[in-house]
Amino acid sequence: MKNIKMYEPSDKMITLIKDNYSVLQALGSFGINLGFGDKTVNETCELNGVDTYTFLAVVNLQLNNVGNFEDDEKISVPTLLRYLKASHAYYLDFQLPFIRRELAESIDENDKMGKLILKFYDDYAHEVQQHMKYEEKTLFPYVQSLIEGRPASNYTIETFSKHHEQTDKKLRELKLMIIKYLPTDAKRNNLLTATLYDIYNNEEWLRHHADVEDFIFTPAIRRMEHKQNDVTKNITTMIRNSDTEQSEPISEREKDVIIGVVQGLQNKEIADKLCISVNTVITHRRNIARKLQIHSPSGLTIYAIVNGLVDISSVKL
């Protein structure tokens, strides 16, 4: 019987595994190898480059089906992304073919019902592959772009959520068909029983996989989107405000002064170049700051480049 408790960073990793052998597959998806001795969960995670908090969030959700992650800022999205990618590889490359082989060995080649059930499994496997390949082609690259801070496309996590359906319904149907309708002899009965056991475990694995995506991953991506949208809105507001607040246009002489500042000239040097007094240069700079709401040379440099006063290639960075 499982020992249900909320595991913490200071718990021994071996204790977690002894209490709940089902966590073994999660270890592989997180990139944690066996052979961790008596290290704690935190020590093991740090040794393998895994965020401890996120690892425990996934594990405790799997074991206890509890946790509120809607406003949890501690979740590491890069860790979750690596975990989900590895989980897909495990299921598509190992688990689906493994059960298929088990099922084929359990069925009499002359049994039409058995062949129909095998075809049903192939259809199910194709559906799961399509589901996970979609995530790998569309969702995961989108999330990676958010992690890297690149402008997001029109895709959002809500698009994913609306079309995210669990893929274990057919697995349940397959399980019932085997139990109800597939006749066997003693030998094949043992083979089918072992296959059914693995199907039951996979059904549980898929449920947990969907829970991680729905209750941990999706809220985390939604928070990232909100933060990026807030930054975009702030930048847009700043640009609009600078346009509306600039009621007075920049004069030609003030543009000359801006160019001098961008070129790194001091007030005296600008004055000599433009044949005006230093006090006049200072007055121009004061008016420029008031009109543009820009008070630093770097800010004026950006303004000058954007408005074509200087070429970016001539700016010393």
Protein backbone atom coordinates (compact mmCIF):
# COMPACT_ATOMS: atom_id res chain seq x y z
CA MET A 1 0.00 0.00 0.00
CA LYS A 2 1.25 3.46 -0.87
CA ASN A 3 2.38 5.74 1.91
CA ILE A 4 0.48 8.93 1.08
CA LYS A 5 2.20 12.08 2.30
CA MET A 6 3.39 15.42 0.93
CA TYR A 7 7.07 14.95 0.18
CA GLU A 8 9.57 17.72 0.90
CA PRO A 9 13.10 18.61 -0.29
CA SER A 10 14.67 17.17 2.86
CA ASP A 11 13.12 13.70 2.38
CA LYS A 12 15.39 10.94 1.15
CA MET A 13 14.85 10.15 -2.52
CA ILE A 14 15.10 6.43 -1.78
CA THR A 15 12.26 6.78 0.74
CA LEU A 16 10.07 8.41 -1.87
CA ILE A 17 10.74 5.55 -4.29
CA LYS A 18 10.22 2.82 -1.66
CA ASP A 19 6.89 4.38 -0.67
CA ASN A 20 5.72 4.91 -4.24
CA TYR A 21 7.32 2.82 -7.00
CA SER A 22 5.12 4.63 -9.57
CA VAL A 23 7.45 7.63 -9.30
CA LEU A 24 10.21 5.67 -11.05
CA GLN A 25 9.03 6.67 -14.54
CA ALA A 26 8.84 10.33 -13.53
CA LEU A 27 12.50 10.18 -12.50
CA GLY A 28 13.50 9.26 -16.02
CA SER A 29 11.41 12.02 -17.56
CA PHE A 30 13.06 14.56 -15.28
CA GLY A 31 16.47 13.25 -16.33
CA ILE A 32 17.25 11.84 -12.88
CA ASN A 33 19.29 8.64 -13.04
CA LEU A 34 19.29 5.87 -10.48
CA GLY A 35 22.24 5.48 -8.16
CA PHE A 36 21.54 8.48 -5.92
CA GLY A 37 22.40 6.61 -2.72
CA ASP A 38 21.03 8.25 0.43
CA LYS A 39 20.81 11.75 -1.01
CA THR A 40 17.79 13.89 -0.27
CA VAL A 41 15.29 14.92 -2.93
CA ASN A 42 16.89 18.37 -3.06
CA GLU A 43 20.43 17.00 -3.34
CA THR A 44 19.41 14.57 -6.08
CA CYS A 45 17.58 17.24 -8.06
CA GLU A 46 20.48 19.71 -7.80
CA LEU A 47 22.92 17.01 -8.89
CA ASN A 48 20.82 16.38 -12.02
CA GLY A 49 20.03 20.02 -12.82
CA VAL A 50 16.34 19.72 -11.94
CA ASP A 51 14.30 22.37 -10.16
CA THR A 52 13.39 20.74 -6.83
CA TYR A 53 10.18 22.70 -6.29
CA THR A 54 8.80 21.74 -9.71
CA PHE A 55 9.82 18.10 -9.29
CA LEU A 56 7.95 17.86 -5.99
CA ALA A 57 4.92 19.66 -7.43
CA VAL A 58 4.63 16.99 -10.13
CA VAL A 59 5.32 14.11 -7.74
CA ASN A 60 2.92 15.28 -5.03
CA LEU A 61 0.20 15.89 -7.62
CA GLN A 62 0.72 12.35 -8.92
CA LEU A 63 0.69 10.72 -5.50
CA ASN A 64 -1.89 12.80 -3.66
CA ASN A 65 -3.89 14.49 -6.44
CA VAL A 66 -3.68 17.78 -4.55
CA GLY A 67 -2.15 21.15 -5.20
CA ASN A 68 -3.21 24.63 -6.32
CA PHE A 69 -0.85 25.98 -8.96
CA GLU A 70 -2.94 28.80 -10.47
CA ASP A 71 -0.87 31.52 -8.78
CA ASP A 72 2.28 29.53 -8.08
CA GLU A 73 5.19 31.66 -9.30
CA LYS A 74 7.79 29.12 -8.15
CA ILE A 75 7.05 26.61 -10.89
CA SER A 76 9.94 26.32 -13.38
CA VAL A 77 8.56 26.24 -16.93
CA PRO A 78 11.88 25.07 -18.48
CA THR A 79 11.90 22.11 -16.08
CA LEU A 80 8.29 21.27 -16.92
CA LEU A 81 8.95 21.54 -20.65
CA ARG A 82 11.88 19.12 -20.44
CA TYR A 83 9.75 16.75 -18.35
CA LEU A 84 6.84 16.75 -20.81
CA LYS A 85 9.10 16.25 -23.83
CA ALA A 86 10.79 13.28 -22.16
CA SER A 87 7.40 11.86 -21.13
CA HIS A 88 6.27 11.95 -24.74
CA ALA A 89 9.41 10.15 -25.86
CA TYR A 90 8.89 7.50 -23.18
CA TYR A 91 5.28 6.85 -24.15
CA LEU A 92 5.63 7.02 -27.93
CA ASP A 93 8.98 5.27 -28.33
CA PHE A 94 8.72 2.66 -25.59
CA GLN A 95 5.38 2.14 -23.91
CA LEU A 96 3.04 2.07 -26.93
CA PRO A 97 5.20 -0.42 -28.91
CA PHE A 98 5.76 -2.52 -25.77
CA ILE A 99 2.04 -3.02 -25.10
CA ARG A 100 1.43 -3.65 -28.80
CA ARG A 101 3.93 -6.52 -28.72
CA GLU A 102 2.37 -7.90 -25.54
CA LEU A 103 -1.08 -7.77 -27.05
CA ALA A 104 0.00 -9.41 -30.32
CA GLU A 105 1.64 -12.29 -28.42
CA SER A 106 -1.54 -12.79 -26.38
CA ILE A 107 -3.88 -13.13 -29.34
CA ASP A 108 -4.53 -16.23 -31.42
CA GLU A 109 -3.76 -15.37 -35.03
CA ASN A 110 -6.91 -17.26 -36.10
CA ASP A 111 -9.17 -15.35 -33.70
CA LYS A 112 -11.05 -12.65 -35.64
CA MET A 113 -12.12 -10.89 -32.45
CA GLY A 114 -8.50 -10.74 -31.35
CA LYS A 115 -7.48 -9.21 -34.66
CA LEU A 116 -10.23 -6.61 -34.33
CA ILE A 117 -9.00 -5.71 -30.85
CA LEU A 118 -5.45 -5.41 -32.14
CA LYS A 119 -6.67 -3.05 -34.89
CA PHE A 120 -8.54 -1.07 -32.26
CA TYR A 121 -5.28 -0.67 -30.34
CA ASP A 122 -3.46 0.49 -33.47
CA ASP A 123 -6.13 3.15 -34.01
CA TYR A 124 -5.73 4.24 -30.41
CA ALA A 125 -1.94 4.40 -30.73
CA HIS A 126 -2.26 6.55 -33.86
CA GLU A 127 -4.60 8.93 -32.03
CA VAL A 128 -2.16 9.31 -29.14
CA GLN A 129 0.72 9.91 -31.55
CA GLN A 130 -1.23 12.63 -33.35
CA HIS A 131 -2.11 14.26 -30.03
CA MET A 132 1.45 14.31 -28.73
CA LYS A 133 3.01 15.25 -32.08
CA TYR A 134 0.71 18.26 -32.20
CA GLU A 135 2.00 19.39 -28.83
CA GLU A 136 5.61 18.87 -29.91
CA LYS A 137 5.12 20.78 -33.18
CA THR A 138 2.93 23.64 -31.93
CA LEU A 139 2.72 23.96 -28.15
CA PHE A 140 6.29 23.22 -27.10
CA PRO A 141 7.97 25.61 -29.60
CA TYR A 142 5.51 28.32 -28.54
CA VAL A 143 6.43 27.81 -24.88
CA GLN A 144 10.13 27.85 -25.77
CA SER A 145 9.62 31.23 -27.47
CA LEU A 146 8.06 32.55 -24.24
CA ILE A 147 11.00 31.25 -22.22
CA GLU A 148 13.44 33.01 -24.55
CA GLY A 149 11.45 36.24 -24.40
CA ARG A 150 10.77 36.32 -28.12
CA PRO A 151 7.54 37.91 -29.43
CA ALA A 152 4.73 35.39 -29.24
CA SER A 153 2.63 34.38 -32.23
CA ASN A 154 -1.16 34.44 -32.35
CA TYR A 155 -1.14 31.07 -30.59
CA THR A 156 -1.96 31.08 -26.85
CA ILE A 157 -2.25 28.48 -24.13
CA GLU A 158 -6.03 28.97 -24.19
CA THR A 159 -6.05 27.63 -27.76
CA PHE A 160 -4.36 24.51 -26.46
CA SER A 161 -6.70 24.18 -23.46
CA LYS A 162 -9.85 24.37 -25.58
CA HIS A 163 -8.71 21.45 -27.73
CA HIS A 164 -6.92 19.45 -25.05
CA GLU A 165 -8.82 16.22 -24.61
CA GLN A 166 -7.61 13.26 -22.64
CA THR A 167 -6.61 10.34 -24.83
CA ASP A 168 -7.33 7.49 -22.44
CA LYS A 169 -10.99 6.89 -23.38
CA LYS A 170 -10.12 4.34 -26.05
CA LEU A 171 -7.73 2.67 -23.65
CA ARG A 172 -10.60 2.09 -21.25
CA GLU A 173 -12.71 0.65 -24.08
CA LEU A 174 -9.85 -1.64 -25.12
CA LYS A 175 -9.50 -2.89 -21.58
CA LEU A 176 -13.20 -3.74 -21.34
CA MET A 177 -13.25 -5.47 -24.73
CA ILE A 178 -10.36 -7.72 -23.72
CA ILE A 179 -12.01 -8.65 -20.43
CA LYS A 180 -15.49 -9.24 -21.89
CA TYR A 181 -15.03 -10.67 -25.34
CA LEU A 182 -11.61 -12.21 -25.90
CA PRO A 183 -11.61 -15.98 -25.33
CA THR A 184 -8.34 -17.58 -24.26
CA ASP A 185 -6.79 -20.78 -23.10
CA ALA A 186 -4.80 -20.97 -19.85
CA LYS A 187 -1.53 -19.85 -21.45
CA ARG A 188 -3.02 -16.91 -23.33
CA ASN A 189 -5.03 -15.96 -20.30
CA ASN A 190 -1.79 -15.38 -18.37
CA LEU A 191 -0.38 -13.31 -21.22
CA LEU A 192 -3.52 -11.21 -21.47
CA THR A 193 -3.65 -10.71 -17.73
CA ALA A 194 -0.11 -9.34 -17.79
CA THR A 195 -1.02 -7.12 -20.75
CA LEU A 196 -4.10 -5.84 -18.97
CA TYR A 197 -2.00 -5.00 -15.94
CA ASP A 198 0.25 -2.84 -18.11
CA ILE A 199 -2.76 -1.21 -19.77
CA TYR A 200 -4.16 -0.31 -16.35
CA ASN A 201 -0.81 1.24 -15.41
CA ASN A 202 -0.73 3.19 -18.67
CA GLU A 203 -4.23 4.45 -18.08
CA GLU A 204 -3.04 5.84 -14.74
CA TRP A 205 0.09 7.30 -16.38
CA LEU A 206 -1.98 9.10 -19.04
CA ARG A 207 -4.30 10.53 -16.41
CA HIS A 208 -1.38 11.91 -14.46
CA HIS A 209 0.26 13.25 -17.63
CA ALA A 210 -2.94 15.15 -18.49
CA ASP A 211 -3.20 16.46 -14.91
CA VAL A 212 0.32 17.89 -15.08
CA GLU A 213 -0.51 19.64 -18.35
CA ASP A 214 -3.88 20.93 -17.12
CA PHE A 215 -3.13 21.87 -13.51
CA ILE A 216 0.57 22.82 -13.48
CA PHE A 217 1.81 23.49 -17.02
CA THR A 218 -1.17 25.45 -18.41
CA PRO A 219 -1.44 27.89 -15.44
CA ALA A 220 2.34 28.49 -15.60
CA ILE A 221 2.20 29.34 -19.32
CA ARG A 222 -0.82 31.56 -18.74
CA ARG A 223 1.19 33.55 -16.18
CA MET A 224 4.08 33.90 -18.63
CA GLU A 225 1.68 35.20 -21.29
CA HIS A 226 0.21 37.75 -18.90
CA LYS A 227 3.66 39.01 -17.97
CA GLN A 228 4.68 39.32 -21.61
CA ASN A 229 1.41 41.07 -22.46
CA ASP A 230 1.96 43.52 -19.59
CA VAL A 231 5.44 44.35 -20.89
CA THR A 232 4.10 44.82 -24.42
CA LYS A 233 1.30 47.06 -23.17
CA ASN A 234 3.73 49.16 -21.14
CA ILE A 235 6.02 49.66 -24.14
CA THR A 236 3.05 50.54 -26.36
CA THR A 237 1.76 53.00 -23.76
CA MET A 238 5.17 54.66 -23.48
CA ILE A 239 5.40 55.07 -27.24
CA ARG A 240 1.88 56.46 -27.49
CA ASN A 241 2.42 58.80 -24.57
CA SER A 242 5.64 60.09 -26.04
CA ASP A 243 3.79 60.80 -29.29
CA THR A 244 0.85 62.56 -27.67
CA GLU A 245 2.83 64.45 -25.08
CA GLN A 246 5.22 65.88 -27.67
CA SER A 247 3.03 68.89 -28.43
CA GLU A 248 6.04 70.97 -29.45
CA PRO A 249 8.10 69.74 -32.40
CA ILE A 250 11.86 69.40 -32.17
CA SER A 251 13.51 72.30 -34.00
CA GLU A 252 16.31 71.85 -36.52
CA ARG A 253 18.80 73.37 -34.10
CA GLU A 254 17.65 71.01 -31.35
CA LYS A 255 18.15 68.10 -33.75
CA ASP A 256 21.73 69.32 -34.30
CA VAL A 257 22.25 69.34 -30.54
CA ILE A 258 20.85 65.79 -30.26
CA ILE A 259 23.26 64.62 -32.96
CA GLY A 260 26.13 66.19 -31.03
CA VAL A 261 25.09 64.41 -27.83
CA VAL A 262 24.82 61.09 -29.68
CA GLN A 263 28.32 61.62 -31.09
CA GLY A 264 29.60 61.95 -27.53
CA LEU A 265 30.43 65.67 -27.68
CA GLN A 266 30.50 67.82 -24.55
CA ASN A 267 28.41 71.01 -24.33
CA LYS A 268 31.46 73.18 -25.18
CA GLU A 269 32.26 71.04 -28.21
CA ILE A 270 28.66 71.20 -29.43
CA ALA A 271 28.67 74.98 -28.94
CA ASP A 272 31.87 75.42 -30.94
CA LYS A 273 30.60 73.13 -33.72
CA LEU A 274 27.29 74.96 -34.04
CA CYS A 275 28.78 78.46 -33.40
CA ILE A 276 26.52 79.12 -30.44
CA SER A 277 27.15 79.71 -26.75
CA VAL A 278 27.39 76.99 -24.12
CA ASN A 279 24.37 78.49 -22.33
CA THR A 280 22.36 78.15 -25.55
CA VAL A 281 23.36 74.49 -25.82
CA ILE A 282 22.25 73.93 -22.22
CA THR A 283 18.92 75.62 -22.95
CA HIS A 284 18.41 73.48 -26.02
CA ARG A 285 19.13 70.31 -24.04
CA ARG A 286 16.68 71.37 -21.35
CA ASN A 287 13.97 71.96 -23.98
CA ILE A 288 14.74 68.63 -25.68
CA ALA A 289 14.34 66.79 -22.37
CA ARG A 290 11.04 68.56 -21.70
CA LYS A 291 9.62 67.84 -25.15
CA LEU A 292 10.77 64.23 -25.45
CA GLN A 293 10.77 63.24 -21.78
CA ILE A 294 14.19 61.75 -22.44
CA HIS A 295 16.95 62.67 -20.01
CA SER A 296 19.86 60.37 -20.87
CA PRO A 297 22.35 60.21 -23.77
CA SER A 298 21.41 56.56 -24.38
CA GLY A 299 17.74 57.52 -24.63
CA LEU A 300 18.56 60.31 -27.06
CA THR A 301 20.65 57.84 -29.08
CA ILE A 302 17.67 55.53 -29.49
CA TYR A 303 15.46 58.50 -30.42
CA ALA A 304 18.01 59.70 -33.00
CA ILE A 305 18.31 56.25 -34.61
CA VAL A 306 14.55 55.65 -34.72
CA ASN A 307 13.89 59.09 -36.23
CA GLY A 308 16.68 58.90 -38.78
CA LEU A 309 18.90 61.62 -37.32
CA VAL A 310 21.90 59.29 -37.26
CA ASP A 311 22.75 55.94 -38.80
CA ILE A 312 23.07 53.06 -36.36
CA SER A 313 26.37 52.05 -37.96
CA SER A 314 27.93 55.35 -36.90
CA VAL A 315 26.94 54.96 -33.23
CA LYS A 316 29.64 53.83 -30.84
CA LEU A 317 28.19 51.14 -28.53
